[in-house]
Amino acid sequence: MEWISFHGPRRPINGQSIYYYGEYIGVRKGKYVYSPNDPYSPHMIHSTECAGFCDRMDAPWYMPDEGQERPEKPSRPVPPDYPSG
């Protein structure tokens, strides 16, 4: 499996189990939650390892959790299509 940018054209399925990565979060396991009416961020990740959540700006990488071992972090802290500014 490879890491996928949350900022590219592919998104997880609403409710899908994923691994996600953010430079200050590390590699974690969670569920993707799409809420189009959320005024702050429609793309949220709810951790299944601890109490908490983040959005795709905090964790710009993901990969589907298909029962594999915890992956190593991606080679780059943010994907090339990560918004700057």
C-alpha atoms as a PDB file:
ATOM      1  CA  MET A   1       0.000   0.000   0.000  1.00  0.00           C
ATOM      2  CA  GLU A   2       1.110   3.533  -0.575  1.00  0.00           C
ATOM      3  CA  TRP A   3       0.283   6.850   1.027  1.00  0.00           C
ATOM      4  CA  ILE A   4      -2.355   8.954  -0.756  1.00  0.00           C
ATOM      5  CA  SER A   5      -2.675  12.732  -0.565  1.00  0.00           C
ATOM      6  CA  PHE A   6      -5.891  14.008   1.010  1.00  0.00           C
ATOM      7  CA  HIS A   7      -5.535  17.003  -1.318  1.00  0.00           C
ATOM      8  CA  GLY A   8      -5.556  15.036  -4.559  1.00  0.00           C
ATOM      9  CA  PRO A   9      -8.592  13.681  -6.423  1.00  0.00           C
ATOM     10  CA  ARG A  10      -8.934  10.444  -4.365  1.00  0.00           C
ATOM     11  CA  ARG A  11     -10.742  10.435  -1.040  1.00  0.00           C
ATOM     12  CA  PRO A  12     -11.584   7.650   1.380  1.00  0.00           C
ATOM     13  CA  ILE A  13     -15.180   6.454   1.563  1.00  0.00           C
ATOM     14  CA  ASN A  14     -17.247   8.023   4.348  1.00  0.00           C
ATOM     15  CA  GLY A  15     -16.808   5.795   7.431  1.00  0.00           C
ATOM     16  CA  GLN A  16     -13.809   3.942   5.983  1.00  0.00           C
ATOM     17  CA  SER A  17     -11.049   2.764   8.333  1.00  0.00           C
ATOM     18  CA  ILE A  18      -7.751   4.398   7.410  1.00  0.00           C
ATOM     19  CA  TYR A  19      -4.225   5.027   8.554  1.00  0.00           C
ATOM     20  CA  TYR A  20      -3.374   8.703   8.493  1.00  0.00           C
ATOM     21  CA  TYR A  21      -0.206  10.709   8.924  1.00  0.00           C
ATOM     22  CA  GLY A  22       0.651  14.228   9.990  1.00  0.00           C
ATOM     23  CA  GLU A  23       4.100  15.517  10.881  1.00  0.00           C
ATOM     24  CA  TYR A  24       3.078  16.367  14.460  1.00  0.00           C
ATOM     25  CA  ILE A  25       0.629  13.450  14.833  1.00  0.00           C
ATOM     26  CA  GLY A  26       2.603  10.519  13.468  1.00  0.00           C
ATOM     27  CA  VAL A  27       0.997   7.439  11.928  1.00  0.00           C
ATOM     28  CA  ARG A  28      -2.397   6.763  13.499  1.00  0.00           C
ATOM     29  CA  LYS A  29      -5.472   4.662  12.846  1.00  0.00           C
ATOM     30  CA  GLY A  30      -8.935   6.158  12.464  1.00  0.00           C
ATOM     31  CA  LYS A  31     -12.129   6.547  10.475  1.00  0.00           C
ATOM     32  CA  TYR A  32     -12.749   9.094   7.748  1.00  0.00           C
ATOM     33  CA  VAL A  33     -15.924  11.131   8.236  1.00  0.00           C
ATOM     34  CA  TYR A  34     -17.309  13.336   5.482  1.00  0.00           C
ATOM     35  CA  SER A  35     -19.674  16.070   6.709  1.00  0.00           C
ATOM     36  CA  PRO A  36     -20.421  18.451   3.813  1.00  0.00           C
ATOM     37  CA  ASN A  37     -22.296  20.923   6.044  1.00  0.00           C
ATOM     38  CA  ASP A  38     -19.498  21.287   8.605  1.00  0.00           C
ATOM     39  CA  PRO A  39     -18.600  25.011   8.607  1.00  0.00           C
ATOM     40  CA  TYR A  40     -14.922  24.364   9.404  1.00  0.00           C
ATOM     41  CA  SER A  41     -13.895  21.230   7.539  1.00  0.00           C
ATOM     42  CA  PRO A  42     -15.989  18.617   5.740  1.00  0.00           C
ATOM     43  CA  HIS A  43     -13.072  16.135   5.787  1.00  0.00           C
ATOM     44  CA  MET A  44     -12.502  14.842   9.323  1.00  0.00           C
ATOM     45  CA  ILE A  45     -10.600  11.887  10.738  1.00  0.00           C
ATOM     46  CA  HIS A  46     -11.786  10.392  14.025  1.00  0.00           C
ATOM     47  CA  SER A  47      -9.049   8.493  15.841  1.00  0.00           C
ATOM     48  CA  THR A  48      -9.795   4.913  16.853  1.00  0.00           C
ATOM     49  CA  GLU A  49      -6.647   4.782  19.008  1.00  0.00           C
ATOM     50  CA  CYS A  50      -7.242   7.736  21.311  1.00  0.00           C
ATOM     51  CA  ALA A  51      -9.899  10.348  21.999  1.00  0.00           C
ATOM     52  CA  GLY A  52      -9.589  12.945  19.304  1.00  0.00           C
ATOM     53  CA  PHE A  53      -9.960  13.977  15.722  1.00  0.00           C
ATOM     54  CA  CYS A  54      -8.188  16.048  13.097  1.00  0.00           C
ATOM     55  CA  ASP A  55      -8.743  17.261   9.566  1.00  0.00           C
ATOM     56  CA  ARG A  56      -6.850  16.811   6.306  1.00  0.00           C
ATOM     57  CA  MET A  57      -4.686  19.886   6.950  1.00  0.00           C
ATOM     58  CA  ASP A  58      -3.311  18.275  10.134  1.00  0.00           C
ATOM     59  CA  ALA A  59      -2.996  14.837   8.515  1.00  0.00           C
ATOM     60  CA  PRO A  60      -2.495  15.326   4.756  1.00  0.00           C
ATOM     61  CA  TRP A  61      -1.697  11.646   4.026  1.00  0.00           C
ATOM     62  CA  TYR A  62      -3.903   8.544   4.310  1.00  0.00           C
ATOM     63  CA  MET A  63      -4.087   4.927   3.207  1.00  0.00           C
ATOM     64  CA  PRO A  64      -6.936   2.429   3.537  1.00  0.00           C
ATOM     65  CA  ASP A  65      -6.684   0.132   6.553  1.00  0.00           C
ATOM     66  CA  GLU A  66      -7.050  -3.331   5.076  1.00  0.00           C
ATOM     67  CA  GLY A  67      -5.733  -5.225   8.074  1.00  0.00           C
ATOM     68  CA  GLN A  68      -2.079  -4.611   7.246  1.00  0.00           C
ATOM     69  CA  GLU A  69       0.556  -3.805   9.866  1.00  0.00           C
ATOM     70  CA  ARG A  70       1.019  -0.174  10.811  1.00  0.00           C
ATOM     71  CA  PRO A  71       2.839   1.465   7.880  1.00  0.00           C
ATOM     72  CA  GLU A  72       6.002   3.512   8.103  1.00  0.00           C
ATOM     73  CA  LYS A  73       5.534   7.268   7.760  1.00  0.00           C
ATOM     74  CA  PRO A  74       5.630   8.676   4.221  1.00  0.00           C
ATOM     75  CA  SER A  75       8.933   9.911   2.803  1.00  0.00           C
ATOM     76  CA  ARG A  76       7.681  13.528   2.737  1.00  0.00           C
ATOM     77  CA  PRO A  77       5.940  15.363   5.608  1.00  0.00           C
ATOM     78  CA  VAL A  78       3.363  16.867   3.215  1.00  0.00           C
ATOM     79  CA  PRO A  79       2.304  15.886  -0.306  1.00  0.00           C
ATOM     80  CA  PRO A  80       3.275  18.066  -3.296  1.00  0.00           C
ATOM     81  CA  ASP A  81      -0.341  19.250  -3.702  1.00  0.00           C
ATOM     82  CA  TYR A  82      -0.618  20.433  -0.062  1.00  0.00           C
ATOM     83  CA  PRO A  83      -2.018  24.005  -0.056  1.00  0.00           C
ATOM     84  CA  SER A  84       0.499  26.667   0.925  1.00  0.00           C
ATOM     85  CA  GLY A  85      -0.087  30.136   2.154  1.00  0.00           C
END
